[in-house]
Amino acid sequence: MPPVDRGERASKKRVHNEEKPKRHPPKKDEPSVAAIVRSNLAADIRKRLQLNRGVFARLPPVSVRSLATVESGAEPSEVVARRLCELRRLTDALTEVIRQESLGKWLQTPNEAFDGLKPLEVIERGESHRIWSMIYFLRSGTPS
């Protein structure tokens, strides 16, 4: 194998570095991952929903171990961070129509409005739009 010139190595490194995609800054209404970590959003939501780690971990969805790591201050992946932001919005809206102290029990109780599924299962299945619809009707006072 012929010896490689150091200048050639440096130019290869520059080309490699230039090929990396640039990350776009978060949108104004979307908090950065760093902001989510600083606020310890996962632990806050879990506390507000009155769920243990095992049950709450199903919502982002992450392993219980990953959730514990995020709650201890580790940076979540971009996907988990977005999911936590969505869960925060949903939690905020739910507390407008359901008493905070009843929220955990409500999430884990089968509900006829969701075809006998628990609201937690509805979220887990990616059908949170059904819960948003319920929130809309409860806010407006219009029967569904």
C-alpha atoms as a PDB file:
ATOM      1  CA  MET A   1       0.000   0.000   0.000  1.00  0.00           C
ATOM      2  CA  PRO A   2       1.525   3.366  -0.996  1.00  0.00           C
ATOM      3  CA  PRO A   3       2.052   5.985   1.716  1.00  0.00           C
ATOM      4  CA  VAL A   4      -0.688   8.625   1.934  1.00  0.00           C
ATOM      5  CA  ASP A   5       0.284  12.262   1.897  1.00  0.00           C
ATOM      6  CA  ARG A   6      -0.896  14.159   4.997  1.00  0.00           C
ATOM      7  CA  GLY A   7      -2.318  16.908   2.816  1.00  0.00           C
ATOM      8  CA  GLU A   8      -4.405  14.325   0.988  1.00  0.00           C
ATOM      9  CA  ARG A   9      -5.762  13.029   4.322  1.00  0.00           C
ATOM     10  CA  ALA A  10      -6.678  16.556   5.409  1.00  0.00           C
ATOM     11  CA  SER A  11      -8.500  17.240   2.170  1.00  0.00           C
ATOM     12  CA  LYS A  12     -10.469  13.997   2.553  1.00  0.00           C
ATOM     13  CA  LYS A  13     -11.492  15.052   6.050  1.00  0.00           C
ATOM     14  CA  ARG A  14     -12.685  18.424   4.770  1.00  0.00           C
ATOM     15  CA  VAL A  15     -14.750  16.782   2.047  1.00  0.00           C
ATOM     16  CA  HIS A  16     -16.216  14.337   4.561  1.00  0.00           C
ATOM     17  CA  ASN A  17     -17.136  17.148   6.955  1.00  0.00           C
ATOM     18  CA  GLU A  18     -18.709  19.206   4.182  1.00  0.00           C
ATOM     19  CA  GLU A  19     -21.023  16.325   3.223  1.00  0.00           C
ATOM     20  CA  LYS A  20     -22.749  16.190   6.612  1.00  0.00           C
ATOM     21  CA  PRO A  21     -26.319  17.484   6.495  1.00  0.00           C
ATOM     22  CA  LYS A  22     -26.909  20.643   8.452  1.00  0.00           C
ATOM     23  CA  ARG A  23     -29.522  20.557  11.196  1.00  0.00           C
ATOM     24  CA  HIS A  24     -32.269  23.132  10.978  1.00  0.00           C
ATOM     25  CA  PRO A  25     -33.028  25.143  14.122  1.00  0.00           C
ATOM     26  CA  PRO A  26     -36.283  24.215  15.877  1.00  0.00           C
ATOM     27  CA  LYS A  27     -39.418  26.110  14.915  1.00  0.00           C
ATOM     28  CA  LYS A  28     -40.414  28.987  17.183  1.00  0.00           C
ATOM     29  CA  ASP A  29     -43.255  27.056  18.849  1.00  0.00           C
ATOM     30  CA  GLU A  30     -41.246  23.832  19.119  1.00  0.00           C
ATOM     31  CA  PRO A  31     -38.840  23.638  22.083  1.00  0.00           C
ATOM     32  CA  SER A  32     -35.355  22.349  21.390  1.00  0.00           C
ATOM     33  CA  VAL A  33     -34.266  18.973  22.735  1.00  0.00           C
ATOM     34  CA  ALA A  34     -32.004  20.791  25.195  1.00  0.00           C
ATOM     35  CA  ALA A  35     -34.973  22.748  26.534  1.00  0.00           C
ATOM     36  CA  ILE A  36     -36.925  19.527  27.000  1.00  0.00           C
ATOM     37  CA  VAL A  37     -34.078  17.956  28.948  1.00  0.00           C
ATOM     38  CA  ARG A  38     -33.683  21.040  31.141  1.00  0.00           C
ATOM     39  CA  SER A  39     -37.369  21.080  31.955  1.00  0.00           C
ATOM     40  CA  ASN A  40     -37.426  17.315  32.667  1.00  0.00           C
ATOM     41  CA  LEU A  41     -40.600  17.079  30.652  1.00  0.00           C
ATOM     42  CA  ALA A  42     -40.949  13.289  30.845  1.00  0.00           C
ATOM     43  CA  ALA A  43     -41.035  13.216  34.643  1.00  0.00           C
ATOM     44  CA  ASP A  44     -43.407  16.193  34.764  1.00  0.00           C
ATOM     45  CA  ILE A  45     -45.914  14.600  32.370  1.00  0.00           C
ATOM     46  CA  ARG A  46     -45.708  11.231  34.108  1.00  0.00           C
ATOM     47  CA  LYS A  47     -46.394  12.885  37.459  1.00  0.00           C
ATOM     48  CA  ARG A  48     -49.342  14.864  36.054  1.00  0.00           C
ATOM     49  CA  LEU A  49     -50.825  11.726  34.470  1.00  0.00           C
ATOM     50  CA  GLN A  50     -50.252   9.784  37.719  1.00  0.00           C
ATOM     51  CA  LEU A  51     -48.709   6.826  35.896  1.00  0.00           C
ATOM     52  CA  ASN A  52     -45.849   4.595  36.951  1.00  0.00           C
ATOM     53  CA  ARG A  53     -42.820   4.296  34.663  1.00  0.00           C
ATOM     54  CA  GLY A  54     -43.903   0.970  33.200  1.00  0.00           C
ATOM     55  CA  VAL A  55     -47.278   2.281  32.070  1.00  0.00           C
ATOM     56  CA  PHE A  56     -46.029   5.719  30.975  1.00  0.00           C
ATOM     57  CA  ALA A  57     -43.173   4.214  28.920  1.00  0.00           C
ATOM     58  CA  ARG A  58     -45.799   2.742  26.567  1.00  0.00           C
ATOM     59  CA  LEU A  59     -46.864   6.217  25.433  1.00  0.00           C
ATOM     60  CA  PRO A  60     -43.681   7.627  23.781  1.00  0.00           C
ATOM     61  CA  PRO A  61     -43.053   4.445  23.302  1.00  0.00           C
ATOM     62  CA  VAL A  62     -39.720   3.714  24.980  1.00  0.00           C
ATOM     63  CA  SER A  63     -38.330   1.071  27.287  1.00  0.00           C
ATOM     64  CA  VAL A  64     -38.644   1.620  31.021  1.00  0.00           C
ATOM     65  CA  ARG A  65     -34.860   1.873  31.216  1.00  0.00           C
ATOM     66  CA  SER A  66     -34.738   4.532  28.472  1.00  0.00           C
ATOM     67  CA  LEU A  67     -37.464   6.499  30.231  1.00  0.00           C
ATOM     68  CA  ALA A  68     -35.537   6.404  33.511  1.00  0.00           C
ATOM     69  CA  THR A  69     -32.439   7.628  31.655  1.00  0.00           C
ATOM     70  CA  VAL A  70     -34.345  10.525  30.078  1.00  0.00           C
ATOM     71  CA  GLU A  71     -35.941  11.416  33.420  1.00  0.00           C
ATOM     72  CA  SER A  72     -32.477  11.538  34.996  1.00  0.00           C
ATOM     73  CA  GLY A  73     -31.394  14.213  32.514  1.00  0.00           C
ATOM     74  CA  ALA A  74     -30.071  12.366  29.451  1.00  0.00           C
ATOM     75  CA  GLU A  75     -30.896  13.871  26.065  1.00  0.00           C
ATOM     76  CA  PRO A  76     -33.823  12.037  24.430  1.00  0.00           C
ATOM     77  CA  SER A  77     -33.785  11.186  20.748  1.00  0.00           C
ATOM     78  CA  GLU A  78     -35.498  13.653  18.427  1.00  0.00           C
ATOM     79  CA  VAL A  79     -38.452  11.263  17.983  1.00  0.00           C
ATOM     80  CA  VAL A  80     -38.936  10.803  21.737  1.00  0.00           C
ATOM     81  CA  ALA A  81     -38.597  14.553  22.323  1.00  0.00           C
ATOM     82  CA  ARG A  82     -41.350  15.276  19.787  1.00  0.00           C
ATOM     83  CA  ARG A  83     -43.579  12.593  21.265  1.00  0.00           C
ATOM     84  CA  LEU A  84     -43.088  14.077  24.741  1.00  0.00           C
ATOM     85  CA  CYS A  85     -44.103  17.501  23.398  1.00  0.00           C
ATOM     86  CA  GLU A  86     -47.254  15.960  21.927  1.00  0.00           C
ATOM     87  CA  LEU A  87     -48.029  14.247  25.238  1.00  0.00           C
ATOM     88  CA  ARG A  88     -47.556  17.542  27.082  1.00  0.00           C
ATOM     89  CA  ARG A  89     -50.073  19.261  24.796  1.00  0.00           C
ATOM     90  CA  LEU A  90     -52.554  16.420  25.224  1.00  0.00           C
ATOM     91  CA  THR A  91     -52.077  16.417  29.007  1.00  0.00           C
ATOM     92  CA  ASP A  92     -52.612  20.184  29.156  1.00  0.00           C
ATOM     93  CA  ALA A  93     -55.843  19.850  27.160  1.00  0.00           C
ATOM     94  CA  LEU A  94     -57.091  16.903  29.221  1.00  0.00           C
ATOM     95  CA  THR A  95     -56.627  18.813  32.469  1.00  0.00           C
ATOM     96  CA  GLU A  96     -58.995  21.465  31.105  1.00  0.00           C
ATOM     97  CA  VAL A  97     -61.845  18.935  30.893  1.00  0.00           C
ATOM     98  CA  ILE A  98     -60.906  16.293  33.510  1.00  0.00           C
ATOM     99  CA  ARG A  99     -59.856  16.961  37.081  1.00  0.00           C
ATOM    100  CA  GLN A 100     -56.107  16.463  37.576  1.00  0.00           C
ATOM    101  CA  GLU A 101     -56.604  13.975  40.419  1.00  0.00           C
ATOM    102  CA  SER A 102     -58.858  11.796  38.221  1.00  0.00           C
ATOM    103  CA  LEU A 103     -56.667  11.777  35.137  1.00  0.00           C
ATOM    104  CA  GLY A 104     -54.573   8.676  35.916  1.00  0.00           C
ATOM    105  CA  LYS A 105     -57.604   6.555  36.722  1.00  0.00           C
ATOM    106  CA  TRP A 106     -59.485   7.838  33.648  1.00  0.00           C
ATOM    107  CA  LEU A 107     -56.585   6.914  31.347  1.00  0.00           C
ATOM    108  CA  GLN A 108     -56.575   3.331  32.635  1.00  0.00           C
ATOM    109  CA  THR A 109     -60.345   2.716  32.629  1.00  0.00           C
ATOM    110  CA  PRO A 110     -62.103   1.193  29.582  1.00  0.00           C
ATOM    111  CA  ASN A 111     -64.311   3.801  27.940  1.00  0.00           C
ATOM    112  CA  GLU A 112     -67.361   3.198  25.745  1.00  0.00           C
ATOM    113  CA  ALA A 113     -66.582   6.357  23.768  1.00  0.00           C
ATOM    114  CA  PHE A 114     -63.423   4.582  22.556  1.00  0.00           C
ATOM    115  CA  ASP A 115     -65.129   1.254  21.756  1.00  0.00           C
ATOM    116  CA  GLY A 116     -64.239  -0.183  25.153  1.00  0.00           C
ATOM    117  CA  LEU A 117     -60.551   0.701  24.906  1.00  0.00           C
ATOM    118  CA  LYS A 118     -58.741   2.486  27.695  1.00  0.00           C
ATOM    119  CA  PRO A 119     -57.721   6.029  26.674  1.00  0.00           C
ATOM    120  CA  LEU A 120     -54.133   4.928  27.341  1.00  0.00           C
ATOM    121  CA  GLU A 121     -54.541   2.214  24.677  1.00  0.00           C
ATOM    122  CA  VAL A 122     -56.016   4.737  22.253  1.00  0.00           C
ATOM    123  CA  ILE A 123     -52.901   6.920  22.631  1.00  0.00           C
ATOM    124  CA  GLU A 124     -50.646   3.879  22.424  1.00  0.00           C
ATOM    125  CA  ARG A 125     -52.252   2.857  19.106  1.00  0.00           C
ATOM    126  CA  GLY A 126     -51.544   6.284  17.631  1.00  0.00           C
ATOM    127  CA  GLU A 127     -55.218   7.274  17.646  1.00  0.00           C
ATOM    128  CA  SER A 128     -54.943  10.286  19.927  1.00  0.00           C
ATOM    129  CA  HIS A 129     -57.086  12.218  17.427  1.00  0.00           C
ATOM    130  CA  ARG A 130     -60.036  10.381  19.022  1.00  0.00           C
ATOM    131  CA  ILE A 131     -59.150  11.901  22.390  1.00  0.00           C
ATOM    132  CA  TRP A 132     -58.648  15.332  20.795  1.00  0.00           C
ATOM    133  CA  SER A 133     -62.127  15.019  19.301  1.00  0.00           C
ATOM    134  CA  MET A 134     -63.563  14.217  22.729  1.00  0.00           C
ATOM    135  CA  ILE A 135     -61.753  17.233  24.196  1.00  0.00           C
ATOM    136  CA  TYR A 136     -63.172  19.455  21.446  1.00  0.00           C
ATOM    137  CA  PHE A 137     -66.741  18.382  22.166  1.00  0.00           C
ATOM    138  CA  LEU A 138     -66.309  18.722  25.933  1.00  0.00           C
ATOM    139  CA  ARG A 139     -64.822  22.211  25.554  1.00  0.00           C
ATOM    140  CA  SER A 140     -67.586  23.350  23.219  1.00  0.00           C
ATOM    141  CA  GLY A 141     -70.430  21.819  25.214  1.00  0.00           C
ATOM    142  CA  THR A 142     -71.756  20.242  22.029  1.00  0.00           C
ATOM    143  CA  PRO A 143     -73.012  16.643  22.284  1.00  0.00           C
ATOM    144  CA  SER A 144     -71.017  14.295  20.090  1.00  0.00           C
END
